[in-house]
C-alpha atoms as a PDB file:
ATOM      1  CA  MET A   1       0.000   0.000   0.000  1.00  0.00           C
ATOM      2  CA  PRO A   2       1.427   3.420  -0.917  1.00  0.00           C
ATOM      3  CA  SER A   3       2.589   5.452   2.023  1.00  0.00           C
ATOM      4  CA  GLU A   4       4.410   8.720   2.435  1.00  0.00           C
ATOM      5  CA  LEU A   5       5.385   7.491   5.896  1.00  0.00           C
ATOM      6  CA  THR A   6       7.798   4.921   4.447  1.00  0.00           C
ATOM      7  CA  PRO A   7      11.052   5.906   6.128  1.00  0.00           C
ATOM      8  CA  VAL A   8      13.930   7.196   4.050  1.00  0.00           C
ATOM      9  CA  LYS A   9      17.115   6.592   5.993  1.00  0.00           C
ATOM     10  CA  PRO A  10      20.603   7.949   5.516  1.00  0.00           C
ATOM     11  CA  VAL A  11      22.969   5.010   5.037  1.00  0.00           C
ATOM     12  CA  ALA A  12      26.640   4.458   4.313  1.00  0.00           C
ATOM     13  CA  LEU A  13      27.667   4.563   0.679  1.00  0.00           C
ATOM     14  CA  PRO A  14      27.163   0.935  -0.434  1.00  0.00           C
ATOM     15  CA  ALA A  15      30.528  -0.759  -0.937  1.00  0.00           C
ATOM     16  CA  GLN A  16      29.114  -2.746  -3.879  1.00  0.00           C
ATOM     17  CA  SER A  17      28.118   0.428  -5.717  1.00  0.00           C
ATOM     18  CA  ALA A  18      30.105   1.326  -8.818  1.00  0.00           C
ATOM     19  CA  ILE A  19      30.458   4.885  -7.505  1.00  0.00           C
ATOM     20  CA  ALA A  20      32.029   3.887  -4.183  1.00  0.00           C
ATOM     21  CA  THR A  21      35.544   4.262  -5.617  1.00  0.00           C
ATOM     22  CA  VAL A  22      34.964   6.318  -8.757  1.00  0.00           C
ATOM     23  CA  TYR A  23      36.926   9.336  -7.461  1.00  0.00           C
ATOM     24  CA  GLU A  24      40.237   9.344  -5.654  1.00  0.00           C
ATOM     25  CA  SER A  25      38.851  12.031  -3.355  1.00  0.00           C
ATOM     26  CA  THR A  26      35.319  13.263  -2.779  1.00  0.00           C
ATOM     27  CA  ASN A  27      33.894  16.496  -1.456  1.00  0.00           C
ATOM     28  CA  LEU A  28      30.488  14.923  -0.862  1.00  0.00           C
ATOM     29  CA  ALA A  29      29.362  11.340  -0.491  1.00  0.00           C
ATOM     30  CA  ASP A  30      25.882  10.487   0.711  1.00  0.00           C
ATOM     31  CA  ALA A  31      23.327   7.744   0.357  1.00  0.00           C
ATOM     32  CA  PHE A  32      19.646   7.387   1.228  1.00  0.00           C
ATOM     33  CA  ALA A  33      17.724   4.120   1.277  1.00  0.00           C
ATOM     34  CA  ILE A  34      14.083   3.112   1.280  1.00  0.00           C
ATOM     35  CA  GLN A  35      12.469  -0.288   1.625  1.00  0.00           C
ATOM     36  CA  LEU A  36      10.398  -1.241  -1.415  1.00  0.00           C
ATOM     37  CA  PRO A  37       7.134  -3.134  -1.104  1.00  0.00           C
ATOM     38  CA  PHE A  38       6.755  -6.666  -2.430  1.00  0.00           C
ATOM     39  CA  GLY A  39       6.004  -6.760  -6.159  1.00  0.00           C
ATOM     40  CA  THR A  40       7.934  -3.574  -6.972  1.00  0.00           C
ATOM     41  CA  SER A  41      10.166  -3.517 -10.030  1.00  0.00           C
ATOM     42  CA  SER A  42      13.794  -4.301  -9.264  1.00  0.00           C
ATOM     43  CA  ASP A  43      15.046  -2.613 -12.447  1.00  0.00           C
ATOM     44  CA  PRO A  44      17.128   0.409 -11.380  1.00  0.00           C
ATOM     45  CA  ASP A  45      16.480   2.149 -14.721  1.00  0.00           C
ATOM     46  CA  VAL A  46      12.696   1.842 -14.236  1.00  0.00           C
ATOM     47  CA  LEU A  47      12.960   2.984 -10.617  1.00  0.00           C
ATOM     48  CA  TRP A  48      15.105   6.034 -11.516  1.00  0.00           C
ATOM     49  CA  ARG A  49      12.784   7.111 -14.328  1.00  0.00           C
ATOM     50  CA  PHE A  50       9.833   6.787 -11.938  1.00  0.00           C
ATOM     51  CA  LEU A  51      11.618   8.887  -9.306  1.00  0.00           C
ATOM     52  CA  ILE A  52      12.405  11.771 -11.648  1.00  0.00           C
ATOM     53  CA  GLU A  53       9.024  11.689 -13.392  1.00  0.00           C
ATOM     54  CA  HIS A  54       7.163  11.999 -10.078  1.00  0.00           C
ATOM     55  CA  GLN A  55       9.275  14.468  -8.135  1.00  0.00           C
ATOM     56  CA  PRO A  56       7.493  17.028  -5.985  1.00  0.00           C
ATOM     57  CA  SER A  57       6.688  20.173  -8.002  1.00  0.00           C
ATOM     58  CA  TRP A  58       8.852  22.415  -5.805  1.00  0.00           C
ATOM     59  CA  ILE A  59      11.952  20.649  -7.164  1.00  0.00           C
ATOM     60  CA  GLY A  60      11.266  22.086 -10.632  1.00  0.00           C
ATOM     61  CA  TRP A  61      11.011  25.560  -9.164  1.00  0.00           C
ATOM     62  CA  LEU A  62      14.271  25.044  -7.247  1.00  0.00           C
ATOM     63  CA  THR A  63      15.982  23.839 -10.430  1.00  0.00           C
ATOM     64  CA  ASN A  64      14.870  26.992 -12.262  1.00  0.00           C
ATOM     65  CA  VAL A  65      16.332  29.170  -9.491  1.00  0.00           C
ATOM     66  CA  ARG A  66      19.583  27.171  -9.634  1.00  0.00           C
ATOM     67  CA  ASP A  67      19.749  27.558 -13.430  1.00  0.00           C
ATOM     68  CA  ALA A  68      19.266  31.317 -13.230  1.00  0.00           C
ATOM     69  CA  ILE A  69      22.180  31.610 -10.817  1.00  0.00           C
ATOM     70  CA  VAL A  70      24.670  29.154 -12.335  1.00  0.00           C
ATOM     71  CA  ALA A  71      24.224  30.400 -15.898  1.00  0.00           C
ATOM     72  CA  SER A  72      25.993  33.628 -14.919  1.00  0.00           C
ATOM     73  CA  PHE A  73      29.037  31.530 -13.919  1.00  0.00           C
ATOM     74  CA  GLY A  74      29.103  29.687 -17.233  1.00  0.00           C
ATOM     75  CA  LEU A  75      28.030  26.377 -15.678  1.00  0.00           C
ATOM     76  CA  LYS A  76      25.763  23.834 -17.320  1.00  0.00           C
ATOM     77  CA  THR A  77      22.064  24.432 -16.686  1.00  0.00           C
ATOM     78  CA  ALA A  78      19.358  21.782 -16.446  1.00  0.00           C
ATOM     79  CA  LYS A  79      17.664  23.401 -19.445  1.00  0.00           C
ATOM     80  CA  HIS A  80      20.848  22.979 -21.512  1.00  0.00           C
ATOM     81  CA  LEU A  81      21.368  19.397 -20.334  1.00  0.00           C
ATOM     82  CA  ALA A  82      17.769  18.517 -21.200  1.00  0.00           C
ATOM     83  CA  THR A  83      18.434  19.535 -24.815  1.00  0.00           C
ATOM     84  CA  LEU A  84      21.316  17.041 -24.938  1.00  0.00           C
ATOM     85  CA  SER A  85      18.875  14.175 -24.326  1.00  0.00           C
ATOM     86  CA  SER A  86      17.863  14.326 -27.979  1.00  0.00           C
ATOM     87  CA  GLU A  87      21.418  13.568 -29.132  1.00  0.00           C
ATOM     88  CA  ALA A  88      21.694   9.896 -30.013  1.00  0.00           C
ATOM     89  CA  SER A  89      25.443   9.710 -29.383  1.00  0.00           C
ATOM     90  CA  VAL A  90      25.173   9.772 -25.577  1.00  0.00           C
ATOM     91  CA  ASP A  91      22.758   7.787 -23.433  1.00  0.00           C
ATOM     92  CA  ARG A  92      20.894  10.191 -21.133  1.00  0.00           C
ATOM     93  CA  ILE A  93      17.888  10.027 -18.871  1.00  0.00           C
ATOM     94  CA  GLY A  94      16.530  13.543 -18.619  1.00  0.00           C
ATOM     95  CA  ILE A  95      19.398  15.824 -17.658  1.00  0.00           C
ATOM     96  CA  PHE A  96      21.657  12.989 -16.510  1.00  0.00           C
ATOM     97  CA  LYS A  97      24.275  11.203 -18.595  1.00  0.00           C
ATOM     98  CA  VAL A  98      24.235   7.421 -18.104  1.00  0.00           C
ATOM     99  CA  TYR A  99      27.697   6.139 -17.178  1.00  0.00           C
ATOM    100  CA  GLY A 100      26.813   2.514 -16.575  1.00  0.00           C
ATOM    101  CA  LYS A 101      24.030  -0.005 -16.118  1.00  0.00           C
ATOM    102  CA  SER A 102      23.818  -3.422 -14.563  1.00  0.00           C
ATOM    103  CA  GLU A 103      21.002  -5.647 -13.418  1.00  0.00           C
ATOM    104  CA  THR A 104      21.065  -3.994  -9.980  1.00  0.00           C
ATOM    105  CA  GLU A 105      22.435  -0.480 -10.562  1.00  0.00           C
ATOM    106  CA  ILE A 106      22.376   2.488 -12.885  1.00  0.00           C
ATOM    107  CA  VAL A 107      25.094   5.149 -12.630  1.00  0.00           C
ATOM    108  CA  LEU A 108      24.350   8.651 -13.855  1.00  0.00           C
ATOM    109  CA  GLY A 109      26.087  11.992 -13.554  1.00  0.00           C
ATOM    110  CA  GLU A 110      27.735  14.932 -15.238  1.00  0.00           C
ATOM    111  CA  ASP A 111      31.118  16.579 -15.515  1.00  0.00           C
ATOM    112  CA  ASP A 112      31.529  20.344 -15.500  1.00  0.00           C
ATOM    113  CA  LYS A 113      34.359  22.815 -15.001  1.00  0.00           C
ATOM    114  CA  HIS A 114      33.627  23.276 -11.295  1.00  0.00           C
ATOM    115  CA  LEU A 115      32.845  19.674 -10.272  1.00  0.00           C
ATOM    116  CA  ASP A 116      32.001  16.163 -11.416  1.00  0.00           C
ATOM    117  CA  PHE A 117      29.337  14.004  -9.820  1.00  0.00           C
ATOM    118  CA  ARG A 118      28.028  10.485 -10.060  1.00  0.00           C
ATOM    119  CA  LEU A 119      24.686   9.256  -8.836  1.00  0.00           C
ATOM    120  CA  SER A 120      23.865   5.603  -8.217  1.00  0.00           C
ATOM    121  CA  VAL A 121      20.447   3.993  -8.099  1.00  0.00           C
ATOM    122  CA  LEU A 122      21.056   0.581  -6.554  1.00  0.00           C
ATOM    123  CA  HIS A 123      18.479  -2.133  -5.943  1.00  0.00           C
ATOM    124  CA  THR A 124      19.473  -4.675  -3.322  1.00  0.00           C
ATOM    125  CA  PRO A 125      17.284  -7.782  -3.089  1.00  0.00           C
ATOM    126  CA  THR A 126      15.992  -9.000   0.241  1.00  0.00           C
ATOM    127  CA  LEU A 127      15.472 -12.471   1.623  1.00  0.00           C
ATOM    128  CA  SER A 128      12.086 -11.480   3.029  1.00  0.00           C
ATOM    129  CA  PRO A 129       9.110 -12.860   1.088  1.00  0.00           C
ATOM    130  CA  THR A 130       7.059  -9.777   2.031  1.00  0.00           C
ATOM    131  CA  LEU A 131       9.478  -7.045   0.923  1.00  0.00           C
ATOM    132  CA  GLY A 132      10.648  -5.946  -2.503  1.00  0.00           C
ATOM    133  CA  GLY A 133      14.241  -5.135  -1.655  1.00  0.00           C
ATOM    134  CA  GLN A 134      15.955  -1.894  -0.812  1.00  0.00           C
ATOM    135  CA  LEU A 135      16.522   1.064  -3.111  1.00  0.00           C
ATOM    136  CA  THR A 136      19.569   3.198  -2.350  1.00  0.00           C
ATOM    137  CA  VAL A 137      20.240   6.503  -4.096  1.00  0.00           C
ATOM    138  CA  SER A 138      23.861   7.549  -3.587  1.00  0.00           C
ATOM    139  CA  THR A 139      25.811  10.580  -4.744  1.00  0.00           C
ATOM    140  CA  VAL A 140      29.519  11.328  -4.863  1.00  0.00           C
ATOM    141  CA  VAL A 141      30.991  14.677  -5.888  1.00  0.00           C
ATOM    142  CA  HIS A 142      34.539  15.673  -6.744  1.00  0.00           C
ATOM    143  CA  CYS A 143      35.224  19.430  -6.880  1.00  0.00           C
ATOM    144  CA  HIS A 144      37.843  20.858  -9.246  1.00  0.00           C
ATOM    145  CA  ASN A 145      38.227  24.307  -7.737  1.00  0.00           C
ATOM    146  CA  LEU A 146      36.956  26.887  -5.251  1.00  0.00           C
ATOM    147  CA  LEU A 147      33.877  27.551  -7.372  1.00  0.00           C
ATOM    148  CA  GLY A 148      32.964  23.868  -7.078  1.00  0.00           C
ATOM    149  CA  GLN A 149      33.514  23.891  -3.321  1.00  0.00           C
ATOM    150  CA  ALA A 150      31.424  27.057  -2.873  1.00  0.00           C
ATOM    151  CA  TYR A 151      28.679  25.662  -5.114  1.00  0.00           C
ATOM    152  CA  LEU A 152      28.626  22.402  -3.179  1.00  0.00           C
ATOM    153  CA  LEU A 153      28.462  24.214   0.160  1.00  0.00           C
ATOM    154  CA  VAL A 154      25.297  25.995  -0.997  1.00  0.00           C
ATOM    155  CA  ILE A 155      23.657  23.141  -2.885  1.00  0.00           C
ATOM    156  CA  ALA A 156      24.355  20.136  -0.594  1.00  0.00           C
ATOM    157  CA  PRO A 157      21.495  20.759   1.881  1.00  0.00           C
ATOM    158  CA  PHE A 158      19.047  21.175  -1.009  1.00  0.00           C
ATOM    159  CA  HIS A 159      20.412  18.055  -2.720  1.00  0.00           C
ATOM    160  CA  ARG A 160      19.751  15.949   0.371  1.00  0.00           C
ATOM    161  CA  GLN A 161      16.188  17.255   0.700  1.00  0.00           C
ATOM    162  CA  VAL A 162      15.519  16.629  -2.999  1.00  0.00           C
ATOM    163  CA  VAL A 163      16.668  13.004  -2.772  1.00  0.00           C
ATOM    164  CA  LYS A 164      14.664  12.299   0.383  1.00  0.00           C
ATOM    165  CA  ALA A 165      11.533  14.074  -0.909  1.00  0.00           C
ATOM    166  CA  SER A 166      11.730  12.229  -4.227  1.00  0.00           C
ATOM    167  CA  LEU A 167      11.954   8.852  -2.498  1.00  0.00           C
ATOM    168  CA  ARG A 168       9.071   9.721  -0.162  1.00  0.00           C
ATOM    169  CA  ARG A 169       6.911  10.939  -3.036  1.00  0.00           C
ATOM    170  CA  ALA A 170       7.517   7.769  -5.052  1.00  0.00           C
ATOM    171  CA  ALA A 171       6.550   5.676  -2.020  1.00  0.00           C
ATOM    172  CA  HIS A 172       3.405   7.772  -1.576  1.00  0.00           C
ATOM    173  CA  ILE A 173       2.364   7.380  -5.215  1.00  0.00           C
ATOM    174  CA  GLY A 174       3.222   3.695  -5.279  1.00  0.00           C
ATOM    175  CA  TRP A 175       6.312   2.240  -6.918  1.00  0.00           C
ATOM    176  CA  PRO A 176       6.107   0.684 -10.392  1.00  0.00           C
ATOM    177  CA  LYS A 177       5.280  -3.000 -10.361  1.00  0.00           C
ATOM    178  CA  ALA A 178       7.663  -5.716 -11.475  1.00  0.00           C
ATOM    179  CA  ALA A 179       7.177  -6.842 -15.053  1.00  0.00           C
ATOM    180  CA  ALA A 180       5.383 -10.159 -15.474  1.00  0.00           C
ATOM    181  CA  ARG A 181       7.724 -12.963 -16.465  1.00  0.00           C
END
């Protein structure tokens, strides 16, 4: 049953995640997990697309504010990145470049002059017959310069709220069901 009360918990960056060692040094590393109900899709691509398609509306407003500010620094905007999705040469989901996919994880991200980041959407199966596994959304960021560090200082609290709110909203709506086999 959908519930917005499904707890989203901060967890350690999963050691099995492809992003756990992607950068020699990180300026941010966080991970948030949620328990999925039985019958939910285990496909990380499906789960990620569902998350970004059903984000709370305030996230779009926040993204527009961010774009207005970062454009003056010559940084990539979400609007610009969204236009890249139509290019067939690079696999993208919305504004995010896909860096890797496996049966249990999709790795997305972007590189820019101020910082690089990778985002992991990892599904971990459970042994419980009544649960659908755990979904962990993790982020690692490597800053290149002071602009990146300043940007991250401002954006990190918002980033954490966006991830948690997105997971809660998806739980409230009801996760996509597993495909019939």
